[in-house]
Amino acid sequence: MLISQIPAAALSVSSSISVFSSTVIKVEDGLYHCQSSNSHLDIICAKSKSLLVEPMVGDTVVITTSDDSAYIIGVLWSTFSNVSICSSSSTLISSPSISFVTNEFSIKSRFIEIDSYRANVVTRHLSLVSDKIKLMSSYVFNQVDLLVSRFKNRVAKLENNDVIISKQIHLKATDLIRQQSNLIQINAKSYVLVDGKKILLG
């Protein structure tokens, strides 16, 4: 990238490196056209690899130039309330502890993978919307006051034993409840009640 002229207000760090502030006037093809307040000449810059904040049109930025190249190394002030963090390559954040404090947190990605020894999710409301959910675990503990499940079609396949422990279990269907098994065993301490207009045993 050729620089026709460096603004006179540039701070000379060495004979070949200059640092100065400028304003972004256009973003095109991954390059930033900047203009200094003391010069009407445009300077075409790239974003430095260490700068994660995305410069926007109207932002005041810090530019460093060396020979025939120019890079934006910082954003001093922005006209936008929202800050965009971008990286052209894979980014790894390593820290003993990371905390996010915000009113709203959103993640949009084609693929998300979480690998953790232990994970806790505490929320008042949780919504899961997905075309397909796959849960694989050797042990699942679920404790809720009220569970409402609505399925158009539900298929449950178990390899070993399924144990349901509850004070009361209600099964209600508007049309038909069907059980198919080699053996069905019902044990009750007091009594077993079967009530219906027609009961067929055979």
N, C-alpha and C. Protein backbone atom coordinates (compact mmCIF):
# COMPACT_ATOMS: atom_id res chain seq x y z
N MET A 1 0.84 -1.19 0.00
CA MET A 1 0.00 0.00 0.00
C MET A 1 0.88 1.25 0.00
N LEU A 2 0.68 2.09 -0.98
CA LEU A 2 1.50 3.29 -1.11
C LEU A 2 0.88 4.44 -0.34
N ILE A 3 1.71 5.21 0.30
CA ILE A 3 1.28 6.40 1.03
C ILE A 3 1.87 7.61 0.32
N SER A 4 1.02 8.47 -0.21
CA SER A 4 1.53 9.61 -0.97
C SER A 4 2.14 10.67 -0.07
N GLN A 5 1.58 10.82 1.13
CA GLN A 5 2.10 11.86 2.02
C GLN A 5 1.66 11.56 3.44
N ILE A 6 2.55 11.74 4.39
CA ILE A 6 2.26 11.58 5.81
C ILE A 6 1.90 12.95 6.37
N PRO A 7 0.84 13.09 7.15
CA PRO A 7 0.47 14.40 7.70
C PRO A 7 1.61 15.01 8.49
N ALA A 8 1.65 16.35 8.48
CA ALA A 8 2.74 17.05 9.15
C ALA A 8 2.66 16.87 10.66
N ALA A 9 1.44 16.56 11.18
CA ALA A 9 1.27 16.40 12.62
C ALA A 9 1.70 15.04 13.11
N ALA A 10 2.24 14.21 12.21
CA ALA A 10 2.63 12.86 12.59
C ALA A 10 3.76 12.92 13.61
N LEU A 11 3.69 12.00 14.57
CA LEU A 11 4.73 11.88 15.58
C LEU A 11 5.79 10.93 15.06
N SER A 12 6.99 11.40 14.85
CA SER A 12 8.05 10.59 14.30
C SER A 12 8.71 9.79 15.40
N VAL A 13 8.55 8.45 15.34
CA VAL A 13 9.17 7.57 16.31
C VAL A 13 10.60 7.27 15.91
N SER A 14 10.84 7.09 14.65
CA SER A 14 12.18 6.89 14.12
C SER A 14 12.21 7.48 12.72
N SER A 15 13.29 7.28 12.03
CA SER A 15 13.41 7.85 10.68
C SER A 15 12.46 7.21 9.70
N SER A 16 11.95 6.00 9.99
CA SER A 16 11.09 5.30 9.04
C SER A 16 9.71 4.96 9.60
N ILE A 17 9.43 5.28 10.86
CA ILE A 17 8.15 4.94 11.49
C ILE A 17 7.50 6.21 12.00
N SER A 18 6.21 6.37 11.69
CA SER A 18 5.43 7.51 12.16
C SER A 18 4.14 7.03 12.78
N VAL A 19 3.66 7.73 13.79
CA VAL A 19 2.42 7.40 14.47
C VAL A 19 1.58 8.67 14.57
N PHE A 20 0.31 8.60 14.18
CA PHE A 20 -0.56 9.77 14.22
C PHE A 20 -2.01 9.30 14.26
N SER A 21 -2.90 10.22 14.58
CA SER A 21 -4.34 9.92 14.63
C SER A 21 -4.99 10.36 13.33
N SER A 22 -6.09 9.68 13.00
CA SER A 22 -6.79 9.98 11.77
C SER A 22 -8.24 9.54 11.92
N THR A 23 -9.06 9.85 10.91
CA THR A 23 -10.47 9.50 10.92
C THR A 23 -10.78 8.57 9.75
N VAL A 24 -11.50 7.51 10.03
CA VAL A 24 -11.89 6.56 8.97
C VAL A 24 -13.03 7.18 8.16
N ILE A 25 -12.83 7.30 6.86
CA ILE A 25 -13.85 7.89 5.99
C ILE A 25 -14.50 6.86 5.07
N LYS A 26 -13.85 5.71 4.89
CA LYS A 26 -14.43 4.67 4.03
C LYS A 26 -13.78 3.34 4.35
N VAL A 27 -14.58 2.26 4.29
CA VAL A 27 -14.08 0.89 4.45
C VAL A 27 -14.44 0.12 3.20
N GLU A 28 -13.44 -0.43 2.54
CA GLU A 28 -13.67 -1.11 1.27
C GLU A 28 -12.67 -2.24 1.09
N ASP A 29 -13.19 -3.45 0.82
CA ASP A 29 -12.37 -4.63 0.53
C ASP A 29 -11.36 -4.90 1.65
N GLY A 30 -11.79 -4.72 2.89
CA GLY A 30 -10.92 -5.01 4.02
C GLY A 30 -9.88 -3.96 4.29
N LEU A 31 -9.91 -2.84 3.57
CA LEU A 31 -8.97 -1.74 3.76
C LEU A 31 -9.72 -0.51 4.27
N TYR A 32 -8.99 0.35 4.96
CA TYR A 32 -9.59 1.51 5.62
C TYR A 32 -8.98 2.78 5.04
N HIS A 33 -9.85 3.62 4.48
CA HIS A 33 -9.42 4.91 3.95
C HIS A 33 -9.56 5.93 5.08
N CYS A 34 -8.44 6.53 5.47
CA CYS A 34 -8.42 7.45 6.60
C CYS A 34 -7.94 8.82 6.15
N GLN A 35 -8.36 9.84 6.88
CA GLN A 35 -7.99 11.21 6.56
C GLN A 35 -7.66 11.95 7.85
N SER A 36 -6.51 12.60 7.87
CA SER A 36 -6.09 13.35 9.04
C SER A 36 -6.76 14.71 9.06
N SER A 37 -6.95 15.24 10.25
CA SER A 37 -7.57 16.57 10.38
C SER A 37 -6.67 17.65 9.81
N ASN A 38 -5.37 17.40 9.73
CA ASN A 38 -4.43 18.38 9.20
C ASN A 38 -4.08 18.13 7.74
N SER A 39 -4.74 17.16 7.12
CA SER A 39 -4.43 16.85 5.73
C SER A 39 -5.69 16.33 5.06
N HIS A 40 -5.87 16.70 3.80
CA HIS A 40 -7.01 16.23 3.03
C HIS A 40 -6.66 15.03 2.17
N LEU A 41 -5.50 14.47 2.36
CA LEU A 41 -5.08 13.31 1.59
C LEU A 41 -5.51 12.03 2.29
N ASP A 42 -5.99 11.08 1.50
CA ASP A 42 -6.43 9.79 2.05
C ASP A 42 -5.22 8.88 2.25
N ILE A 43 -5.28 8.12 3.34
CA ILE A 43 -4.27 7.11 3.63
C ILE A 43 -4.97 5.77 3.70
N ILE A 44 -4.55 4.83 2.89
CA ILE A 44 -5.15 3.50 2.84
C ILE A 44 -4.40 2.61 3.82
N CYS A 45 -5.14 2.06 4.78
CA CYS A 45 -4.52 1.28 5.85
C CYS A 45 -5.16 -0.09 5.95
N ALA A 46 -4.41 -1.00 6.53
CA ALA A 46 -4.93 -2.30 6.95
C ALA A 46 -5.05 -2.30 8.47
N LYS A 47 -5.79 -3.24 9.01
CA LYS A 47 -5.93 -3.36 10.46
C LYS A 47 -4.83 -4.27 10.98
N SER A 48 -4.18 -3.84 12.05
CA SER A 48 -3.13 -4.67 12.62
C SER A 48 -3.72 -5.96 13.19
N LYS A 49 -2.94 -7.01 13.20
CA LYS A 49 -3.44 -8.31 13.65
C LYS A 49 -3.83 -8.30 15.12
N SER A 50 -3.16 -7.47 15.93
CA SER A 50 -3.44 -7.44 17.36
C SER A 50 -4.68 -6.62 17.70
N LEU A 51 -5.23 -5.87 16.74
CA LEU A 51 -6.41 -5.04 16.98
C LEU A 51 -7.66 -5.87 16.71
N LEU A 52 -8.44 -6.17 17.76
CA LEU A 52 -9.66 -6.95 17.62
C LEU A 52 -10.88 -6.08 17.38
N VAL A 53 -10.86 -4.83 17.85
CA VAL A 53 -11.99 -3.94 17.64
C VAL A 53 -12.04 -3.52 16.18
N GLU A 54 -13.20 -3.66 15.57
CA GLU A 54 -13.36 -3.33 14.16
C GLU A 54 -13.58 -1.83 13.98
N PRO A 55 -12.67 -1.12 13.29
CA PRO A 55 -12.86 0.31 13.04
C PRO A 55 -14.04 0.55 12.11
N MET A 56 -14.85 1.57 12.42
CA MET A 56 -16.01 1.92 11.62
C MET A 56 -15.82 3.32 11.04
N VAL A 57 -16.64 3.63 10.03
CA VAL A 57 -16.57 4.95 9.40
C VAL A 57 -16.93 6.01 10.44
N GLY A 58 -16.07 7.02 10.55
CA GLY A 58 -16.25 8.08 11.52
C GLY A 58 -15.43 7.90 12.78
N ASP A 59 -14.82 6.72 12.97
CA ASP A 59 -14.00 6.47 14.15
C ASP A 59 -12.67 7.21 14.07
N THR A 60 -12.19 7.65 15.21
CA THR A 60 -10.85 8.22 15.30
C THR A 60 -9.88 7.11 15.68
N VAL A 61 -8.89 6.91 14.84
CA VAL A 61 -7.99 5.76 15.00
C VAL A 61 -6.54 6.24 15.09
N VAL A 62 -5.69 5.33 15.56
CA VAL A 62 -4.25 5.56 15.61
C VAL A 62 -3.61 4.77 14.48
N ILE A 63 -2.81 5.46 13.67
CA ILE A 63 -2.17 4.84 12.51
C ILE A 63 -0.66 4.87 12.69
N THR A 64 -0.04 3.78 12.33
CA THR A 64 1.41 3.74 12.27
C THR A 64 1.83 3.42 10.84
N THR A 65 2.84 4.13 10.35
CA THR A 65 3.33 3.93 8.99
C THR A 65 4.80 3.59 9.01
N SER A 66 5.18 2.75 8.10
CA SER A 66 6.57 2.37 7.95
C SER A 66 6.84 2.08 6.49
N ASP A 67 7.74 2.85 5.89
CA ASP A 67 8.08 2.73 4.46
C ASP A 67 6.81 2.89 3.63
N ASP A 68 6.35 1.82 2.97
CA ASP A 68 5.19 1.94 2.08
C ASP A 68 3.96 1.25 2.65
N SER A 69 3.87 1.01 3.95
CA SER A 69 2.72 0.34 4.55
C SER A 69 2.17 1.17 5.71
N ALA A 70 0.87 0.99 5.96
CA ALA A 70 0.21 1.70 7.05
C ALA A 70 -0.78 0.76 7.71
N TYR A 71 -0.84 0.84 9.04
CA TYR A 71 -1.72 -0.03 9.80
C TYR A 71 -2.43 0.77 10.89
N ILE A 72 -3.70 0.41 11.13
CA ILE A 72 -4.44 0.95 12.26
C ILE A 72 -4.13 0.09 13.47
N ILE A 73 -3.62 0.71 14.52
CA ILE A 73 -3.21 -0.05 15.71
C ILE A 73 -4.11 0.21 16.91
N GLY A 74 -5.08 1.12 16.78
CA GLY A 74 -5.97 1.38 17.90
C GLY A 74 -7.14 2.25 17.49
N VAL A 75 -8.24 2.14 18.23
CA VAL A 75 -9.42 2.98 18.03
C VAL A 75 -9.56 3.88 19.25
N LEU A 76 -9.38 5.19 19.05
CA LEU A 76 -9.45 6.14 20.15
C LEU A 76 -10.87 6.51 20.52
N TRP A 77 -11.71 6.71 19.54
CA TRP A 77 -13.08 7.17 19.76
C TRP A 77 -13.96 6.67 18.64
N SER A 78 -15.20 6.31 18.97
CA SER A 78 -16.12 5.78 17.97
C SER A 78 -17.44 6.52 18.04
N THR A 79 -18.07 6.70 16.89
CA THR A 79 -19.38 7.33 16.82
C THR A 79 -20.50 6.34 17.12
N PHE A 80 -20.17 5.06 17.18
CA PHE A 80 -21.16 4.01 17.41
C PHE A 80 -21.11 3.56 18.87
N SER A 81 -22.29 3.30 19.43
CA SER A 81 -22.35 2.81 20.80
C SER A 81 -21.98 1.33 20.88
N ASN A 82 -22.21 0.59 19.78
CA ASN A 82 -21.87 -0.82 19.74
C ASN A 82 -20.44 -1.00 19.25
N VAL A 83 -19.73 -1.93 19.86
CA VAL A 83 -18.36 -2.23 19.49
C VAL A 83 -18.32 -3.61 18.84
N SER A 84 -17.70 -3.70 17.67
CA SER A 84 -17.57 -4.96 16.95
C SER A 84 -16.15 -5.49 17.10
N ILE A 85 -16.04 -6.72 17.61
CA ILE A 85 -14.73 -7.36 17.78
C ILE A 85 -14.58 -8.42 16.69
N CYS A 86 -13.57 -8.26 15.84
CA CYS A 86 -13.39 -9.14 14.69
C CYS A 86 -11.94 -9.59 14.61
N SER A 87 -11.75 -10.79 14.09
CA SER A 87 -10.42 -11.33 13.85
C SER A 87 -10.45 -12.13 12.57
N SER A 88 -9.42 -11.99 11.75
CA SER A 88 -9.37 -12.69 10.47
C SER A 88 -8.90 -14.13 10.62
N SER A 89 -8.40 -14.50 11.80
CA SER A 89 -7.90 -15.86 12.03
C SER A 89 -8.49 -16.40 13.32
N SER A 90 -8.20 -17.65 13.64
CA SER A 90 -8.70 -18.26 14.86
C SER A 90 -8.14 -17.53 16.08
N THR A 91 -9.00 -17.33 17.08
CA THR A 91 -8.61 -16.58 18.27
C THR A 91 -8.73 -17.47 19.50
N LEU A 92 -7.69 -17.53 20.30
CA LEU A 92 -7.66 -18.31 21.53
C LEU A 92 -7.52 -17.37 22.71
N ILE A 93 -8.46 -17.44 23.63
CA ILE A 93 -8.41 -16.65 24.86
C ILE A 93 -8.07 -17.59 26.01
N SER A 94 -6.95 -17.35 26.65
CA SER A 94 -6.49 -18.20 27.74
C SER A 94 -6.38 -17.38 29.01
N SER A 95 -7.08 -17.84 30.05
CA SER A 95 -7.07 -17.13 31.33
C SER A 95 -7.52 -18.09 32.42
N PRO A 96 -7.02 -17.94 33.65
CA PRO A 96 -7.51 -18.79 34.75
C PRO A 96 -8.99 -18.60 35.03
N SER A 97 -9.50 -17.40 34.80
CA SER A 97 -10.91 -17.14 35.06
C SER A 97 -11.38 -16.00 34.16
N ILE A 98 -12.55 -16.18 33.54
CA ILE A 98 -13.14 -15.16 32.68
C ILE A 98 -14.58 -14.94 33.13
N SER A 99 -14.96 -13.70 33.34
CA SER A 99 -16.32 -13.36 33.77
C SER A 99 -16.94 -12.38 32.79
N PHE A 100 -18.22 -12.62 32.45
CA PHE A 100 -18.97 -11.71 31.61
C PHE A 100 -20.13 -11.16 32.44
N VAL A 101 -20.20 -9.85 32.57
CA VAL A 101 -21.29 -9.20 33.28
C VAL A 101 -22.03 -8.32 32.29
N THR A 102 -23.24 -8.70 31.92
CA THR A 102 -23.98 -7.97 30.91
C THR A 102 -25.46 -8.24 31.07
N ASN A 103 -26.29 -7.33 30.55
CA ASN A 103 -27.74 -7.52 30.58
C ASN A 103 -28.20 -8.52 29.53
N GLU A 104 -27.45 -8.63 28.45
CA GLU A 104 -27.85 -9.53 27.37
C GLU A 104 -26.60 -10.12 26.73
N PHE A 105 -26.62 -11.42 26.48
CA PHE A 105 -25.47 -12.13 25.91
C PHE A 105 -25.98 -13.03 24.80
N SER A 106 -25.44 -12.86 23.61
CA SER A 106 -25.92 -13.61 22.45
C SER A 106 -24.73 -14.23 21.72
N ILE A 107 -24.89 -15.49 21.33
CA ILE A 107 -23.87 -16.20 20.54
C ILE A 107 -24.53 -16.74 19.28
N LYS A 108 -23.96 -16.42 18.13
CA LYS A 108 -24.44 -16.93 16.85
C LYS A 108 -23.28 -17.66 16.17
N SER A 109 -23.46 -18.95 15.95
CA SER A 109 -22.39 -19.75 15.37
C SER A 109 -23.00 -20.97 14.69
N ARG A 110 -22.33 -21.48 13.66
CA ARG A 110 -22.77 -22.70 13.00
C ARG A 110 -22.46 -23.92 13.85
N PHE A 111 -21.44 -23.82 14.71
CA PHE A 111 -21.06 -24.96 15.55
C PHE A 111 -20.48 -24.45 16.86
N ILE A 112 -20.97 -24.97 17.97
CA ILE A 112 -20.49 -24.61 19.30
C ILE A 112 -20.15 -25.89 20.04
N GLU A 113 -18.96 -25.95 20.59
CA GLU A 113 -18.54 -27.11 21.37
C GLU A 113 -18.04 -26.64 22.74
N ILE A 114 -18.57 -27.24 23.80
CA ILE A 114 -18.18 -26.92 25.16
C ILE A 114 -17.63 -28.18 25.81
N ASP A 115 -16.39 -28.14 26.22
CA ASP A 115 -15.73 -29.27 26.87
C ASP A 115 -15.36 -28.84 28.28
N SER A 116 -16.09 -29.35 29.25
CA SER A 116 -15.89 -28.92 30.63
C SER A 116 -16.06 -30.10 31.57
N TYR A 117 -15.31 -30.11 32.66
CA TYR A 117 -15.46 -31.16 33.67
C TYR A 117 -16.79 -31.00 34.41
N ARG A 118 -17.18 -29.75 34.65
CA ARG A 118 -18.44 -29.48 35.33
C ARG A 118 -19.02 -28.17 34.81
N ALA A 119 -20.31 -28.15 34.56
CA ALA A 119 -20.97 -26.95 34.06
C ALA A 119 -22.28 -26.74 34.81
N ASN A 120 -22.52 -25.52 35.23
CA ASN A 120 -23.75 -25.16 35.93
C ASN A 120 -24.47 -24.06 35.15
N VAL A 121 -25.76 -24.24 34.93
CA VAL A 121 -26.60 -23.23 34.28
C VAL A 121 -27.73 -22.89 35.23
N VAL A 122 -27.74 -21.64 35.70
CA VAL A 122 -28.76 -21.18 36.63
C VAL A 122 -29.54 -20.06 35.94
N THR A 123 -30.81 -20.23 35.74
CA THR A 123 -31.62 -19.24 35.06
C THR A 123 -33.07 -19.39 35.49
N ARG A 124 -33.83 -18.31 35.41
CA ARG A 124 -35.25 -18.35 35.72
C ARG A 124 -36.05 -18.90 34.55
N HIS A 125 -35.62 -18.60 33.34
CA HIS A 125 -36.31 -19.07 32.15
C HIS A 125 -35.27 -19.60 31.18
N LEU A 126 -35.52 -20.78 30.63
CA LEU A 126 -34.62 -21.41 29.67
C LEU A 126 -35.43 -21.93 28.51
N SER A 127 -35.07 -21.51 27.30
CA SER A 127 -35.76 -21.96 26.09
C SER A 127 -34.74 -22.63 25.17
N LEU A 128 -35.06 -23.82 24.73
CA LEU A 128 -34.24 -24.55 23.77
C LEU A 128 -35.07 -24.77 22.51
N VAL A 129 -34.65 -24.18 21.40
CA VAL A 129 -35.35 -24.32 20.14
C VAL A 129 -34.39 -24.95 19.14
N SER A 130 -34.71 -26.13 18.70
CA SER A 130 -33.79 -26.85 17.82
C SER A 130 -34.56 -27.86 16.99
N ASP A 131 -34.07 -28.14 15.79
CA ASP A 131 -34.65 -29.19 14.96
C ASP A 131 -34.29 -30.58 15.50
N LYS A 132 -33.13 -30.67 16.15
CA LYS A 132 -32.69 -31.96 16.67
C LYS A 132 -31.82 -31.73 17.89
N ILE A 133 -32.14 -32.44 18.99
CA ILE A 133 -31.37 -32.37 20.22
C ILE A 133 -30.92 -33.78 20.57
N LYS A 134 -29.62 -33.95 20.78
CA LYS A 134 -29.06 -35.25 21.12
C LYS A 134 -28.37 -35.16 22.47
N LEU A 135 -28.80 -36.00 23.41
CA LEU A 135 -28.25 -35.99 24.76
C LEU A 135 -27.65 -37.36 25.05
N MET A 136 -26.35 -37.37 25.36
CA MET A 136 -25.65 -38.62 25.64
C MET A 136 -25.00 -38.48 27.02
N SER A 137 -25.37 -39.35 27.94
CA SER A 137 -24.83 -39.29 29.29
C SER A 137 -25.00 -40.63 29.96
N SER A 138 -24.09 -40.95 30.86
CA SER A 138 -24.22 -42.18 31.63
C SER A 138 -25.19 -41.99 32.80
N TYR A 139 -25.42 -40.77 33.22
CA TYR A 139 -26.32 -40.50 34.34
C TYR A 139 -26.93 -39.11 34.16
N VAL A 140 -28.24 -39.02 34.28
CA VAL A 140 -28.95 -37.75 34.18
C VAL A 140 -29.85 -37.61 35.40
N PHE A 141 -29.69 -36.52 36.15
CA PHE A 141 -30.53 -36.24 37.31
C PHE A 141 -31.39 -35.02 36.99
N ASN A 142 -32.68 -35.18 37.07
CA ASN A 142 -33.63 -34.12 36.73
C ASN A 142 -34.60 -33.95 37.88
N GLN A 143 -34.64 -32.76 38.45
CA GLN A 143 -35.54 -32.47 39.55
C GLN A 143 -36.29 -31.18 39.26
N VAL A 144 -37.58 -31.31 38.99
CA VAL A 144 -38.40 -30.15 38.65
C VAL A 144 -39.71 -30.24 39.41
N ASP A 145 -40.32 -29.08 39.66
CA ASP A 145 -41.64 -29.04 40.29
C ASP A 145 -42.74 -29.38 39.30
N LEU A 146 -42.59 -28.94 38.07
CA LEU A 146 -43.59 -29.20 37.04
C LEU A 146 -42.90 -29.36 35.70
N LEU A 147 -43.20 -30.45 35.02
CA LEU A 147 -42.62 -30.71 33.70
C LEU A 147 -43.76 -30.93 32.72
N VAL A 148 -43.82 -30.09 31.71
CA VAL A 148 -44.83 -30.19 30.67
C VAL A 148 -44.13 -30.49 29.36
N SER A 149 -44.46 -31.63 28.77
CA SER A 149 -43.84 -32.05 27.52
C SER A 149 -44.92 -32.25 26.47
N ARG A 150 -44.72 -31.68 25.32
CA ARG A 150 -45.66 -31.83 24.21
C ARG A 150 -44.90 -32.36 23.00
N PHE A 151 -45.32 -33.53 22.54
CA PHE A 151 -44.67 -34.17 21.40
C PHE A 151 -45.72 -34.52 20.36
N LYS A 152 -45.40 -34.30 19.11
CA LYS A 152 -46.22 -34.84 18.03
C LYS A 152 -45.95 -36.33 17.87
N ASN A 153 -44.68 -36.69 17.92
CA ASN A 153 -44.27 -38.09 17.89
C ASN A 153 -43.11 -38.26 18.85
N ARG A 154 -43.17 -39.26 19.70
CA ARG A 154 -42.11 -39.49 20.67
C ARG A 154 -41.75 -40.97 20.67
N VAL A 155 -40.47 -41.26 20.50
CA VAL A 155 -39.96 -42.62 20.53
C VAL A 155 -38.85 -42.68 21.55
N ALA A 156 -39.00 -43.53 22.56
CA ALA A 156 -37.97 -43.70 23.58
C ALA A 156 -37.42 -45.11 23.50
N LYS A 157 -36.12 -45.24 23.30
CA LYS A 157 -35.45 -46.53 23.20
C LYS A 157 -34.47 -46.67 24.36
N LEU A 158 -34.65 -47.74 25.15
CA LEU A 158 -33.80 -47.97 26.31
C LEU A 158 -33.11 -49.33 26.16
N GLU A 159 -31.83 -49.36 26.54
CA GLU A 159 -31.08 -50.60 26.41
C GLU A 159 -31.14 -51.44 27.68
N ASN A 160 -31.21 -50.81 28.86
CA ASN A 160 -31.20 -51.55 30.11
C ASN A 160 -32.53 -51.38 30.85
N ASN A 161 -32.50 -50.80 32.02
CA ASN A 161 -33.70 -50.63 32.84
C ASN A 161 -34.07 -49.16 32.97
N ASP A 162 -35.35 -48.90 32.95
CA ASP A 162 -35.86 -47.54 33.13
C ASP A 162 -36.68 -47.53 34.42
N VAL A 163 -36.28 -46.69 35.37
CA VAL A 163 -36.93 -46.63 36.67
C VAL A 163 -37.52 -45.24 36.86
N ILE A 164 -38.82 -45.18 37.15
CA ILE A 164 -39.51 -43.93 37.42
C ILE A 164 -40.02 -43.98 38.86
N ILE A 165 -39.57 -43.04 39.68
CA ILE A 165 -39.96 -42.98 41.08
C ILE A 165 -40.72 -41.68 41.31
N SER A 166 -41.96 -41.78 41.76
CA SER A 166 -42.77 -40.59 41.97
C SER A 166 -43.91 -40.92 42.93
N LYS A 167 -44.44 -39.91 43.60
CA LYS A 167 -45.61 -40.10 44.45
C LYS A 167 -46.85 -40.40 43.60
N GLN A 168 -47.00 -39.68 42.52
CA GLN A 168 -48.14 -39.89 41.64
C GLN A 168 -47.69 -39.78 40.20
N ILE A 169 -48.24 -40.64 39.35
CA ILE A 169 -47.98 -40.61 37.91
C ILE A 169 -49.32 -40.64 37.20
N HIS A 170 -49.57 -39.66 36.37
CA HIS A 170 -50.81 -39.58 35.62
C HIS A 170 -50.48 -39.71 34.12
N LEU A 171 -51.15 -40.66 33.47
CA LEU A 171 -51.04 -40.83 32.03
C LEU A 171 -52.41 -40.52 31.42
N LYS A 172 -52.45 -39.54 30.53
CA LYS A 172 -53.73 -39.13 29.96
C LYS A 172 -53.56 -38.99 28.45
N ALA A 173 -54.43 -39.68 27.73
CA ALA A 173 -54.42 -39.60 26.28
C ALA A 173 -55.85 -39.43 25.79
N THR A 174 -56.05 -38.60 24.80
CA THR A 174 -57.40 -38.36 24.27
C THR A 174 -57.89 -39.54 23.44
N ASP A 175 -56.98 -40.39 22.95
CA ASP A 175 -57.40 -41.47 22.07
C ASP A 175 -56.99 -42.84 22.60
N LEU A 176 -55.71 -43.12 22.69
CA LEU A 176 -55.27 -44.48 22.97
C LEU A 176 -53.94 -44.48 23.70
N ILE A 177 -53.82 -45.35 24.70
CA ILE A 177 -52.56 -45.65 25.36
C ILE A 177 -52.28 -47.13 25.13
N ARG A 178 -51.17 -47.46 24.52
CA ARG A 178 -50.87 -48.84 24.17
C ARG A 178 -49.53 -49.24 24.78
N GLN A 179 -49.51 -50.41 25.43
CA GLN A 179 -48.28 -50.96 25.98
C GLN A 179 -48.06 -52.34 25.39
N GLN A 180 -46.87 -52.55 24.88
CA GLN A 180 -46.52 -53.84 24.29
C GLN A 180 -45.24 -54.34 24.95
N SER A 181 -45.32 -55.54 25.50
CA SER A 181 -44.17 -56.08 26.21
C SER A 181 -44.34 -57.58 26.38
N ASN A 182 -43.22 -58.27 26.56
CA ASN A 182 -43.30 -59.69 26.89
C ASN A 182 -43.88 -59.91 28.28
N LEU A 183 -43.62 -58.99 29.19
CA LEU A 183 -44.11 -59.12 30.56
C LEU A 183 -44.39 -57.72 31.13
N ILE A 184 -45.58 -57.55 31.67
CA ILE A 184 -45.95 -56.32 32.36
C ILE A 184 -46.31 -56.71 33.80
N GLN A 185 -45.61 -56.14 34.77
CA GLN A 185 -45.83 -56.46 36.17
C GLN A 185 -46.23 -55.20 36.92
N ILE A 186 -47.32 -55.30 37.67
CA ILE A 186 -47.83 -54.19 38.46
C ILE A 186 -47.91 -54.66 39.92
N ASN A 187 -47.21 -53.97 40.80
CA ASN A 187 -47.23 -54.28 42.23
C ASN A 187 -47.81 -53.08 42.99
N ALA A 188 -48.78 -53.35 43.85
CA ALA A 188 -49.39 -52.29 44.65
C ALA A 188 -49.56 -52.79 46.07
N LYS A 189 -49.29 -51.91 47.05
CA LYS A 189 -49.43 -52.29 48.45
C LYS A 189 -50.89 -52.35 48.87
N SER A 190 -51.74 -51.48 48.31
CA SER A 190 -53.13 -51.46 48.75
C SER A 190 -54.06 -52.06 47.68
N TYR A 191 -54.24 -51.37 46.57
CA TYR A 191 -55.17 -51.88 45.57
C TYR A 191 -54.78 -51.35 44.19
N VAL A 192 -55.33 -52.03 43.17
CA VAL A 192 -55.17 -51.64 41.76
C VAL A 192 -56.55 -51.35 41.22
N LEU A 193 -56.76 -50.16 40.69
CA LEU A 193 -58.06 -49.74 40.19
C LEU A 193 -58.00 -49.65 38.68
N VAL A 194 -58.89 -50.36 38.02
CA VAL A 194 -59.06 -50.29 36.57
C VAL A 194 -60.49 -49.88 36.30
N ASP A 195 -60.71 -48.75 35.69
CA ASP A 195 -62.06 -48.22 35.49
C ASP A 195 -62.23 -47.86 34.03
N GLY A 196 -63.32 -48.31 33.45
CA GLY A 196 -63.61 -47.99 32.06
C GLY A 196 -64.96 -48.49 31.65
N LYS A 197 -65.49 -47.94 30.55
CA LYS A 197 -66.79 -48.40 30.05
C LYS A 197 -66.71 -49.84 29.58
N LYS A 198 -65.59 -50.20 29.00
CA LYS A 198 -65.42 -51.58 28.52
C LYS A 198 -63.98 -51.99 28.83
N ILE A 199 -63.82 -53.12 29.50
CA ILE A 199 -62.52 -53.66 29.84
C ILE A 199 -62.38 -55.03 29.20
N LEU A 200 -61.36 -55.20 28.37
CA LEU A 200 -61.12 -56.46 27.67
C LEU A 200 -59.83 -57.06 28.17
N LEU A 201 -59.88 -58.27 28.66
CA LEU A 201 -58.71 -59.01 29.11
C LEU A 201 -58.65 -60.32 28.33
N GLY A 202 -57.59 -60.56 27.64
CA GLY A 202 -57.52 -61.80 26.89
C GLY A 202 -56.21 -61.95 26.19
